[in-house]
Amino acid sequence: FVQLKDISSNFTISPPLKKKPLVKLKGRSIYVKLEEKLRENTTYTLDFGNGIADNNEGNPLGEYQFVFSTGNQLDSLSIKGKLDNSFNQLPVEKAMVMAYLNTNDSVPFTVIPSYVAKIDSAGYFQLNNLSSGDYKLFAIVDGNRDFLYNGPGEMIGFSNDIITPKMHTYEQLDSINADSV
């Protein structure tokens, strides 16, 4: 048995939807009702943050994500980094990092991002389950959670670089067993 804690601020779906999904607890199950049609051949990440907790003691499950695809494969690229306020080098509270496949500088004013991720208390973020492409990154403290930059009441930051995530393979030798050579 679990309970939902402040799920409205903890829950994020990436790629974001225009209509916010409804997250409910029913018995021993958590239901997420999506209010709009999903894009074809897209990997979605339901990020519950610390919104799911043990029913008895209230201990959070911690950074739980549920990933699914509307196509035949899961996208698996990621971008991770650290976000600090450029004036005081401290993490920016309640900021979201937004990745756009449209790389124009004006996109945060008019377009919902392709992917979003929250930063943690130390300022680190990780955008997961990305499709291949070139991304422009912005960070926004989105007061009304509409995934758009709405002017002076919200903080904004950006990366000057266009980021292209790539797959890297790493080989690790098994040091437990003797080498057969």
N, C-alpha and C. Protein backbone atom coordinates (compact mmCIF):
# COMPACT_ATOMS: atom_id res chain seq x y z
N PHE A 1 0.83 -1.19 0.00
CA PHE A 1 0.00 0.00 0.00
C PHE A 1 0.88 1.25 0.00
N VAL A 2 0.50 2.22 -0.78
CA VAL A 2 1.26 3.46 -0.89
C VAL A 2 0.32 4.66 -0.75
N GLN A 3 0.92 5.83 -0.62
CA GLN A 3 0.16 7.08 -0.60
C GLN A 3 0.84 8.05 -1.56
N LEU A 4 0.07 9.01 -2.04
CA LEU A 4 0.62 10.04 -2.92
C LEU A 4 0.87 11.28 -2.09
N LYS A 5 2.08 11.84 -2.21
CA LYS A 5 2.45 13.04 -1.45
C LYS A 5 2.74 14.17 -2.43
N ASP A 6 1.96 15.23 -2.34
CA ASP A 6 2.16 16.43 -3.15
C ASP A 6 2.43 16.05 -4.61
N ILE A 7 1.59 15.17 -5.14
CA ILE A 7 1.81 14.62 -6.47
C ILE A 7 1.70 15.69 -7.55
N SER A 8 0.93 16.74 -7.32
CA SER A 8 0.78 17.78 -8.34
C SER A 8 2.11 18.50 -8.63
N SER A 9 2.97 18.64 -7.63
CA SER A 9 4.26 19.28 -7.87
C SER A 9 5.38 18.27 -8.12
N ASN A 10 5.19 17.02 -7.72
CA ASN A 10 6.22 16.00 -7.91
C ASN A 10 6.15 15.30 -9.27
N PHE A 11 4.96 15.20 -9.85
CA PHE A 11 4.76 14.43 -11.07
C PHE A 11 5.07 15.27 -12.31
N THR A 12 5.82 14.66 -13.24
CA THR A 12 6.12 15.27 -14.53
C THR A 12 6.07 14.20 -15.60
N ILE A 13 5.53 14.57 -16.76
CA ILE A 13 5.56 13.67 -17.91
C ILE A 13 6.43 14.30 -18.98
N SER A 14 7.28 13.47 -19.58
CA SER A 14 8.17 13.96 -20.63
C SER A 14 8.13 12.99 -21.79
N PRO A 15 7.87 13.47 -23.00
CA PRO A 15 7.55 14.81 -23.44
C PRO A 15 6.28 15.32 -22.76
N PRO A 16 6.26 16.62 -22.46
CA PRO A 16 5.10 17.16 -21.76
C PRO A 16 3.85 17.22 -22.65
N LEU A 17 2.72 17.20 -21.99
CA LEU A 17 1.43 17.31 -22.66
C LEU A 17 0.82 18.67 -22.36
N LYS A 18 -0.03 19.15 -23.26
CA LYS A 18 -0.69 20.44 -23.03
C LYS A 18 -1.64 20.36 -21.83
N LYS A 19 -2.39 19.25 -21.74
CA LYS A 19 -3.30 19.04 -20.62
C LYS A 19 -2.60 18.16 -19.58
N LYS A 20 -2.56 18.63 -18.36
CA LYS A 20 -1.87 17.90 -17.29
C LYS A 20 -2.61 16.60 -16.97
N PRO A 21 -1.88 15.46 -16.92
CA PRO A 21 -2.52 14.18 -16.59
C PRO A 21 -3.04 14.18 -15.15
N LEU A 22 -4.07 13.39 -14.92
CA LEU A 22 -4.65 13.22 -13.59
C LEU A 22 -4.05 11.97 -12.97
N VAL A 23 -3.44 12.12 -11.78
CA VAL A 23 -2.81 11.00 -11.08
C VAL A 23 -3.64 10.72 -9.84
N LYS A 24 -4.14 9.47 -9.72
CA LYS A 24 -5.01 9.09 -8.60
C LYS A 24 -4.54 7.78 -7.99
N LEU A 25 -4.88 7.62 -6.74
CA LEU A 25 -4.63 6.38 -6.02
C LEU A 25 -5.96 5.65 -5.89
N LYS A 26 -5.98 4.37 -6.27
CA LYS A 26 -7.19 3.57 -6.18
C LYS A 26 -6.81 2.21 -5.61
N GLY A 27 -7.12 1.98 -4.33
CA GLY A 27 -6.70 0.73 -3.69
C GLY A 27 -5.19 0.67 -3.60
N ARG A 28 -4.61 -0.38 -4.18
CA ARG A 28 -3.16 -0.54 -4.18
C ARG A 28 -2.53 -0.11 -5.50
N SER A 29 -3.27 0.59 -6.33
CA SER A 29 -2.78 0.97 -7.65
C SER A 29 -2.77 2.48 -7.84
N ILE A 30 -1.85 2.93 -8.65
CA ILE A 30 -1.78 4.33 -9.04
C ILE A 30 -2.23 4.42 -10.48
N TYR A 31 -3.20 5.28 -10.73
CA TYR A 31 -3.73 5.46 -12.07
C TYR A 31 -3.32 6.83 -12.60
N VAL A 32 -2.89 6.84 -13.85
CA VAL A 32 -2.56 8.09 -14.54
C VAL A 32 -3.49 8.19 -15.74
N LYS A 33 -4.34 9.20 -15.71
CA LYS A 33 -5.29 9.41 -16.81
C LYS A 33 -4.74 10.51 -17.71
N LEU A 34 -4.48 10.14 -18.96
CA LEU A 34 -3.95 11.09 -19.93
C LEU A 34 -5.13 11.72 -20.66
N GLU A 35 -5.15 13.04 -20.71
CA GLU A 35 -6.29 13.79 -21.23
C GLU A 35 -6.18 14.11 -22.72
N GLU A 36 -5.11 13.67 -23.37
CA GLU A 36 -4.96 13.94 -24.79
C GLU A 36 -4.27 12.79 -25.48
N LYS A 37 -4.36 12.78 -26.79
CA LYS A 37 -3.76 11.71 -27.60
C LYS A 37 -2.24 11.84 -27.57
N LEU A 38 -1.57 10.70 -27.47
CA LEU A 38 -0.11 10.67 -27.45
C LEU A 38 0.43 10.61 -28.88
N ARG A 39 1.67 11.12 -29.05
CA ARG A 39 2.33 11.09 -30.35
C ARG A 39 2.76 9.66 -30.70
N GLU A 40 2.73 9.34 -31.97
CA GLU A 40 3.16 8.02 -32.43
C GLU A 40 4.68 7.89 -32.34
N ASN A 41 5.14 6.67 -32.11
CA ASN A 41 6.57 6.33 -32.08
C ASN A 41 7.37 7.25 -31.15
N THR A 42 6.84 7.46 -29.97
CA THR A 42 7.46 8.36 -28.98
C THR A 42 7.60 7.62 -27.66
N THR A 43 8.74 7.80 -27.01
CA THR A 43 8.96 7.24 -25.68
C THR A 43 8.56 8.28 -24.65
N TYR A 44 7.71 7.90 -23.71
CA TYR A 44 7.24 8.78 -22.65
C TYR A 44 7.80 8.33 -21.31
N THR A 45 8.13 9.30 -20.46
CA THR A 45 8.61 9.03 -19.12
C THR A 45 7.67 9.69 -18.13
N LEU A 46 7.06 8.87 -17.28
CA LEU A 46 6.23 9.38 -16.18
C LEU A 46 7.14 9.43 -14.96
N ASP A 47 7.48 10.63 -14.53
CA ASP A 47 8.41 10.83 -13.41
C ASP A 47 7.60 11.23 -12.18
N PHE A 48 7.58 10.37 -11.18
CA PHE A 48 6.81 10.61 -9.96
C PHE A 48 7.62 11.34 -8.90
N GLY A 49 8.91 11.57 -9.15
CA GLY A 49 9.75 12.27 -8.18
C GLY A 49 9.68 11.59 -6.82
N ASN A 50 9.39 12.36 -5.78
CA ASN A 50 9.20 11.82 -4.42
C ASN A 50 7.72 11.76 -4.06
N GLY A 51 6.85 11.67 -5.07
CA GLY A 51 5.40 11.72 -4.85
C GLY A 51 4.77 10.41 -4.40
N ILE A 52 5.50 9.30 -4.43
CA ILE A 52 4.98 8.01 -3.97
C ILE A 52 5.67 7.66 -2.66
N ALA A 53 4.87 7.39 -1.63
CA ALA A 53 5.44 7.09 -0.32
C ALA A 53 4.77 5.85 0.28
N ASP A 54 5.49 5.19 1.19
CA ASP A 54 4.97 4.06 1.94
C ASP A 54 3.76 4.50 2.76
N ASN A 55 2.72 3.70 2.76
CA ASN A 55 1.48 4.07 3.45
C ASN A 55 1.65 4.14 4.97
N ASN A 56 2.46 3.26 5.55
CA ASN A 56 2.58 3.20 7.01
C ASN A 56 3.47 4.29 7.59
N GLU A 57 4.68 4.43 7.06
CA GLU A 57 5.64 5.37 7.64
C GLU A 57 5.85 6.61 6.79
N GLY A 58 5.32 6.63 5.59
CA GLY A 58 5.46 7.81 4.73
C GLY A 58 6.83 7.96 4.10
N ASN A 59 7.64 6.89 4.08
CA ASN A 59 8.96 6.97 3.45
C ASN A 59 8.79 7.03 1.93
N PRO A 60 9.41 8.01 1.27
CA PRO A 60 9.24 8.12 -0.18
C PRO A 60 9.93 6.98 -0.92
N LEU A 61 9.31 6.55 -2.03
CA LEU A 61 9.92 5.55 -2.90
C LEU A 61 11.16 6.14 -3.54
N GLY A 62 11.10 7.40 -3.90
CA GLY A 62 12.27 8.12 -4.39
C GLY A 62 12.53 7.99 -5.87
N GLU A 63 12.31 9.07 -6.57
CA GLU A 63 12.69 9.21 -7.98
C GLU A 63 12.22 8.06 -8.86
N TYR A 64 10.97 7.65 -8.70
CA TYR A 64 10.42 6.56 -9.49
C TYR A 64 9.97 7.07 -10.86
N GLN A 65 10.38 6.34 -11.91
CA GLN A 65 9.97 6.67 -13.27
C GLN A 65 9.37 5.44 -13.93
N PHE A 66 8.30 5.67 -14.68
CA PHE A 66 7.67 4.62 -15.48
C PHE A 66 7.83 5.04 -16.93
N VAL A 67 8.42 4.17 -17.75
CA VAL A 67 8.73 4.51 -19.14
C VAL A 67 7.98 3.56 -20.07
N PHE A 68 7.38 4.14 -21.13
CA PHE A 68 6.70 3.34 -22.14
C PHE A 68 6.83 4.03 -23.49
N SER A 69 6.55 3.28 -24.54
CA SER A 69 6.65 3.83 -25.89
C SER A 69 5.36 3.59 -26.64
N THR A 70 5.01 4.52 -27.54
CA THR A 70 3.86 4.34 -28.42
C THR A 70 4.29 3.67 -29.72
N GLY A 71 5.56 3.32 -29.83
CA GLY A 71 6.08 2.62 -31.01
C GLY A 71 6.65 1.28 -30.62
N ASN A 72 7.51 0.75 -31.46
CA ASN A 72 8.08 -0.58 -31.25
C ASN A 72 9.37 -0.58 -30.44
N GLN A 73 9.92 0.59 -30.14
CA GLN A 73 11.18 0.64 -29.40
C GLN A 73 11.17 1.78 -28.39
N LEU A 74 12.01 1.62 -27.37
CA LEU A 74 12.20 2.68 -26.37
C LEU A 74 13.42 3.51 -26.77
N ASP A 75 13.26 4.83 -26.80
CA ASP A 75 14.42 5.70 -27.02
C ASP A 75 15.26 5.67 -25.75
N SER A 76 16.60 5.73 -25.90
CA SER A 76 17.43 5.53 -24.73
C SER A 76 18.56 6.55 -24.56
N LEU A 77 18.56 7.60 -25.37
CA LEU A 77 19.61 8.60 -25.22
C LEU A 77 19.30 9.50 -24.02
N SER A 78 20.33 10.15 -23.49
CA SER A 78 20.11 11.03 -22.35
C SER A 78 21.09 12.20 -22.38
N ILE A 79 20.71 13.25 -21.70
CA ILE A 79 21.56 14.41 -21.48
C ILE A 79 21.53 14.69 -19.99
N LYS A 80 22.70 14.83 -19.38
CA LYS A 80 22.71 15.18 -17.97
C LYS A 80 23.69 16.31 -17.74
N GLY A 81 23.45 17.02 -16.65
CA GLY A 81 24.30 18.16 -16.35
C GLY A 81 23.96 18.78 -15.03
N LYS A 82 24.48 19.96 -14.80
CA LYS A 82 24.25 20.69 -13.55
C LYS A 82 23.83 22.10 -13.90
N LEU A 83 22.84 22.60 -13.18
CA LEU A 83 22.31 23.94 -13.39
C LEU A 83 22.56 24.78 -12.15
N ASP A 84 23.27 25.88 -12.32
CA ASP A 84 23.53 26.82 -11.23
C ASP A 84 23.11 28.21 -11.67
N ASN A 85 22.74 29.03 -10.69
CA ASN A 85 22.45 30.44 -10.93
C ASN A 85 23.77 31.12 -11.29
N SER A 86 23.80 31.85 -12.38
CA SER A 86 25.06 32.44 -12.84
C SER A 86 25.54 33.57 -11.94
N PHE A 87 24.66 34.13 -11.11
CA PHE A 87 25.05 35.23 -10.24
C PHE A 87 25.68 34.76 -8.94
N ASN A 88 25.17 33.64 -8.36
CA ASN A 88 25.70 33.20 -7.07
C ASN A 88 26.20 31.75 -7.07
N GLN A 89 26.16 31.07 -8.20
CA GLN A 89 26.63 29.69 -8.38
C GLN A 89 25.93 28.69 -7.46
N LEU A 90 24.70 29.00 -7.05
CA LEU A 90 23.88 28.08 -6.25
C LEU A 90 22.84 27.42 -7.14
N PRO A 91 22.37 26.21 -6.77
CA PRO A 91 21.29 25.58 -7.54
C PRO A 91 20.04 26.45 -7.56
N VAL A 92 19.30 26.38 -8.63
CA VAL A 92 18.07 27.16 -8.79
C VAL A 92 16.89 26.31 -8.35
N GLU A 93 16.22 26.72 -7.29
CA GLU A 93 15.10 25.95 -6.76
C GLU A 93 13.94 25.93 -7.75
N LYS A 94 13.30 24.77 -7.87
CA LYS A 94 12.10 24.55 -8.68
C LYS A 94 12.31 24.81 -10.16
N ALA A 95 13.53 24.71 -10.64
CA ALA A 95 13.80 24.90 -12.06
C ALA A 95 13.57 23.59 -12.82
N MET A 96 13.23 23.74 -14.08
CA MET A 96 13.10 22.60 -14.98
C MET A 96 14.01 22.85 -16.17
N VAL A 97 14.69 21.80 -16.62
CA VAL A 97 15.50 21.89 -17.82
C VAL A 97 14.64 21.36 -18.97
N MET A 98 14.60 22.14 -20.05
CA MET A 98 13.75 21.82 -21.18
C MET A 98 14.59 21.67 -22.44
N ALA A 99 14.39 20.57 -23.14
CA ALA A 99 15.14 20.30 -24.37
C ALA A 99 14.19 20.44 -25.56
N TYR A 100 14.65 21.16 -26.57
CA TYR A 100 13.84 21.43 -27.76
C TYR A 100 14.54 20.88 -28.99
N LEU A 101 13.80 20.15 -29.83
CA LEU A 101 14.33 19.73 -31.12
C LEU A 101 14.36 20.93 -32.08
N ASN A 102 13.48 21.88 -31.87
CA ASN A 102 13.50 23.14 -32.61
C ASN A 102 14.58 24.00 -31.94
N THR A 103 15.62 24.37 -32.65
CA THR A 103 16.76 25.03 -32.03
C THR A 103 16.75 26.56 -32.16
N ASN A 104 15.61 27.15 -32.50
CA ASN A 104 15.51 28.61 -32.55
C ASN A 104 15.56 29.18 -31.13
N ASP A 105 16.11 30.39 -30.99
CA ASP A 105 16.24 31.00 -29.66
C ASP A 105 14.90 31.39 -29.04
N SER A 106 13.86 31.56 -29.82
CA SER A 106 12.58 32.03 -29.30
C SER A 106 11.63 30.91 -28.87
N VAL A 107 12.04 29.65 -28.97
CA VAL A 107 11.12 28.54 -28.70
C VAL A 107 10.52 28.53 -27.30
N PRO A 108 11.21 28.94 -26.23
CA PRO A 108 10.56 28.84 -24.91
C PRO A 108 9.36 29.77 -24.75
N PHE A 109 9.23 30.76 -25.63
CA PHE A 109 8.09 31.68 -25.57
C PHE A 109 6.84 31.09 -26.22
N THR A 110 7.02 30.20 -27.21
CA THR A 110 5.89 29.80 -28.05
C THR A 110 5.65 28.30 -28.16
N VAL A 111 6.64 27.48 -27.82
CA VAL A 111 6.56 26.04 -28.09
C VAL A 111 6.76 25.25 -26.80
N ILE A 112 5.94 24.24 -26.60
CA ILE A 112 6.14 23.32 -25.47
C ILE A 112 7.37 22.48 -25.79
N PRO A 113 8.26 22.25 -24.82
CA PRO A 113 9.51 21.54 -25.11
C PRO A 113 9.30 20.09 -25.54
N SER A 114 10.32 19.57 -26.19
CA SER A 114 10.29 18.17 -26.61
C SER A 114 10.45 17.25 -25.41
N TYR A 115 11.27 17.65 -24.42
CA TYR A 115 11.51 16.85 -23.22
C TYR A 115 11.75 17.79 -22.04
N VAL A 116 11.42 17.33 -20.84
CA VAL A 116 11.64 18.12 -19.62
C VAL A 116 12.22 17.24 -18.53
N ALA A 117 12.95 17.88 -17.61
CA ALA A 117 13.46 17.20 -16.41
C ALA A 117 13.56 18.23 -15.30
N LYS A 118 13.27 17.80 -14.08
CA LYS A 118 13.44 18.66 -12.91
C LYS A 118 14.88 18.57 -12.44
N ILE A 119 15.33 19.62 -11.75
CA ILE A 119 16.66 19.53 -11.15
C ILE A 119 16.49 19.05 -9.72
N ASP A 120 17.53 18.41 -9.19
CA ASP A 120 17.47 17.99 -7.79
C ASP A 120 17.98 19.12 -6.89
N SER A 121 18.06 18.87 -5.61
CA SER A 121 18.43 19.92 -4.65
C SER A 121 19.86 20.41 -4.84
N ALA A 122 20.71 19.62 -5.48
CA ALA A 122 22.10 20.04 -5.74
C ALA A 122 22.26 20.69 -7.11
N GLY A 123 21.19 20.74 -7.90
CA GLY A 123 21.24 21.38 -9.20
C GLY A 123 21.45 20.44 -10.37
N TYR A 124 21.51 19.12 -10.13
CA TYR A 124 21.74 18.17 -11.21
C TYR A 124 20.44 17.79 -11.90
N PHE A 125 20.52 17.51 -13.19
CA PHE A 125 19.36 17.08 -13.97
C PHE A 125 19.78 15.97 -14.91
N GLN A 126 18.80 15.20 -15.35
CA GLN A 126 19.04 14.19 -16.37
C GLN A 126 17.79 14.06 -17.22
N LEU A 127 17.92 14.38 -18.50
CA LEU A 127 16.86 14.19 -19.47
C LEU A 127 17.03 12.78 -20.03
N ASN A 128 16.04 11.92 -19.79
CA ASN A 128 16.15 10.51 -20.18
C ASN A 128 15.23 10.18 -21.34
N ASN A 129 15.54 9.06 -22.00
CA ASN A 129 14.71 8.48 -23.04
C ASN A 129 14.47 9.44 -24.21
N LEU A 130 15.57 10.08 -24.65
CA LEU A 130 15.49 11.02 -25.76
C LEU A 130 15.63 10.29 -27.09
N SER A 131 14.97 10.83 -28.11
CA SER A 131 15.20 10.35 -29.47
C SER A 131 16.44 11.05 -30.02
N SER A 132 16.99 10.54 -31.10
CA SER A 132 18.18 11.17 -31.67
C SER A 132 17.80 12.50 -32.31
N GLY A 133 18.74 13.44 -32.29
CA GLY A 133 18.50 14.75 -32.88
C GLY A 133 19.38 15.79 -32.22
N ASP A 134 19.24 17.02 -32.68
CA ASP A 134 19.97 18.15 -32.12
C ASP A 134 19.04 18.90 -31.18
N TYR A 135 19.54 19.24 -29.98
CA TYR A 135 18.70 19.86 -28.94
C TYR A 135 19.26 21.20 -28.50
N LYS A 136 18.35 22.12 -28.26
CA LYS A 136 18.65 23.40 -27.62
C LYS A 136 18.09 23.28 -26.21
N LEU A 137 18.92 23.61 -25.18
CA LEU A 137 18.50 23.49 -23.79
C LEU A 137 18.20 24.85 -23.17
N PHE A 138 17.10 24.91 -22.44
CA PHE A 138 16.73 26.07 -21.64
C PHE A 138 16.39 25.58 -20.25
N ALA A 139 16.60 26.43 -19.26
CA ALA A 139 16.16 26.15 -17.89
C ALA A 139 15.19 27.25 -17.51
N ILE A 140 14.05 26.86 -16.97
CA ILE A 140 13.01 27.84 -16.63
C ILE A 140 12.46 27.50 -15.25
N VAL A 141 12.28 28.53 -14.42
CA VAL A 141 11.50 28.38 -13.20
C VAL A 141 10.09 28.74 -13.64
N ASP A 142 9.30 27.71 -13.89
CA ASP A 142 7.99 27.84 -14.52
C ASP A 142 6.90 27.94 -13.46
N GLY A 143 6.58 29.16 -13.06
CA GLY A 143 5.64 29.39 -11.97
C GLY A 143 4.26 28.80 -12.20
N ASN A 144 3.74 28.87 -13.40
CA ASN A 144 2.40 28.36 -13.67
C ASN A 144 2.40 26.98 -14.33
N ARG A 145 3.57 26.37 -14.48
CA ARG A 145 3.74 25.01 -15.02
C ARG A 145 3.06 24.81 -16.37
N ASP A 146 3.20 25.81 -17.25
CA ASP A 146 2.65 25.67 -18.60
C ASP A 146 3.73 25.32 -19.63
N PHE A 147 4.96 25.12 -19.17
CA PHE A 147 6.11 24.75 -20.00
C PHE A 147 6.49 25.83 -21.01
N LEU A 148 6.11 27.08 -20.73
CA LEU A 148 6.47 28.22 -21.57
C LEU A 148 7.10 29.29 -20.69
N TYR A 149 7.97 30.10 -21.27
CA TYR A 149 8.53 31.23 -20.55
C TYR A 149 7.57 32.41 -20.71
N ASN A 150 7.07 32.91 -19.58
CA ASN A 150 6.04 33.94 -19.60
C ASN A 150 6.54 35.30 -19.15
N GLY A 151 7.80 35.56 -19.27
CA GLY A 151 8.30 36.91 -19.00
C GLY A 151 8.88 37.12 -17.63
N PRO A 152 8.86 38.37 -17.15
CA PRO A 152 9.63 38.79 -15.98
C PRO A 152 9.37 38.01 -14.68
N GLY A 153 8.21 37.40 -14.51
CA GLY A 153 7.94 36.66 -13.28
C GLY A 153 8.63 35.32 -13.20
N GLU A 154 9.23 34.87 -14.30
CA GLU A 154 9.88 33.57 -14.34
C GLU A 154 11.35 33.74 -14.71
N MET A 155 12.19 32.90 -14.12
CA MET A 155 13.62 32.94 -14.43
C MET A 155 13.90 32.04 -15.63
N ILE A 156 14.90 32.42 -16.43
CA ILE A 156 15.27 31.61 -17.60
C ILE A 156 16.79 31.58 -17.74
N GLY A 157 17.29 30.46 -18.22
CA GLY A 157 18.69 30.30 -18.55
C GLY A 157 18.78 29.43 -19.79
N PHE A 158 19.94 29.37 -20.41
CA PHE A 158 20.08 28.60 -21.64
C PHE A 158 21.52 28.16 -21.84
N SER A 159 21.67 27.18 -22.68
CA SER A 159 22.99 26.74 -23.11
C SER A 159 23.24 27.34 -24.49
N ASN A 160 24.42 27.87 -24.71
CA ASN A 160 24.78 28.42 -26.02
C ASN A 160 24.95 27.33 -27.07
N ASP A 161 25.24 26.12 -26.62
CA ASP A 161 25.58 25.04 -27.53
C ASP A 161 24.34 24.26 -27.97
N ILE A 162 24.38 23.75 -29.18
CA ILE A 162 23.41 22.75 -29.64
C ILE A 162 23.98 21.40 -29.22
N ILE A 163 23.16 20.60 -28.55
CA ILE A 163 23.63 19.33 -28.00
C ILE A 163 23.06 18.18 -28.81
N THR A 164 23.92 17.27 -29.22
CA THR A 164 23.52 16.09 -29.98
C THR A 164 23.92 14.85 -29.18
N PRO A 165 22.97 14.25 -28.45
CA PRO A 165 23.33 13.05 -27.69
C PRO A 165 23.66 11.88 -28.61
N LYS A 166 24.65 11.11 -28.21
CA LYS A 166 25.09 9.96 -29.01
C LYS A 166 25.25 8.76 -28.10
N MET A 167 25.15 7.59 -28.71
CA MET A 167 25.33 6.36 -27.96
C MET A 167 26.82 6.07 -27.84
N HIS A 168 27.26 5.74 -26.65
CA HIS A 168 28.64 5.34 -26.40
C HIS A 168 28.63 3.93 -25.83
N THR A 169 29.53 3.11 -26.28
CA THR A 169 29.64 1.78 -25.72
C THR A 169 30.94 1.69 -24.93
N TYR A 170 30.85 1.08 -23.78
CA TYR A 170 32.00 0.91 -22.92
C TYR A 170 32.18 -0.58 -22.65
N GLU A 171 33.41 -1.01 -22.73
CA GLU A 171 33.71 -2.40 -22.47
C GLU A 171 34.37 -2.49 -21.11
N GLN A 172 33.87 -3.39 -20.29
CA GLN A 172 34.44 -3.58 -18.96
C GLN A 172 34.88 -5.01 -18.81
N LEU A 173 36.12 -5.20 -18.42
CA LEU A 173 36.64 -6.55 -18.26
C LEU A 173 36.11 -7.16 -16.97
N ASP A 174 35.85 -8.44 -17.05
CA ASP A 174 35.38 -9.17 -15.88
C ASP A 174 36.62 -9.57 -15.07
N SER A 175 36.80 -8.98 -13.91
CA SER A 175 38.00 -9.25 -13.12
C SER A 175 37.79 -10.36 -12.09
N ILE A 176 36.60 -10.91 -12.04
CA ILE A 176 36.31 -11.96 -11.06
C ILE A 176 36.83 -13.31 -11.54
N ASN A 177 36.58 -13.64 -12.79
CA ASN A 177 37.00 -14.93 -13.33
C ASN A 177 38.36 -14.81 -14.00
N ALA A 178 39.08 -15.92 -13.98
CA ALA A 178 40.40 -15.96 -14.64
C ALA A 178 40.24 -15.81 -16.14
N ASP A 179 41.17 -15.15 -16.76
CA ASP A 179 41.17 -14.99 -18.21
C ASP A 179 41.48 -16.32 -18.86
N SER A 180 40.76 -16.68 -19.91
CA SER A 180 40.95 -17.97 -20.55
C SER A 180 42.10 -18.00 -21.55
N VAL A 181 42.73 -16.86 -21.77
CA VAL A 181 43.81 -16.79 -22.77
C VAL A 181 45.08 -17.39 -22.22
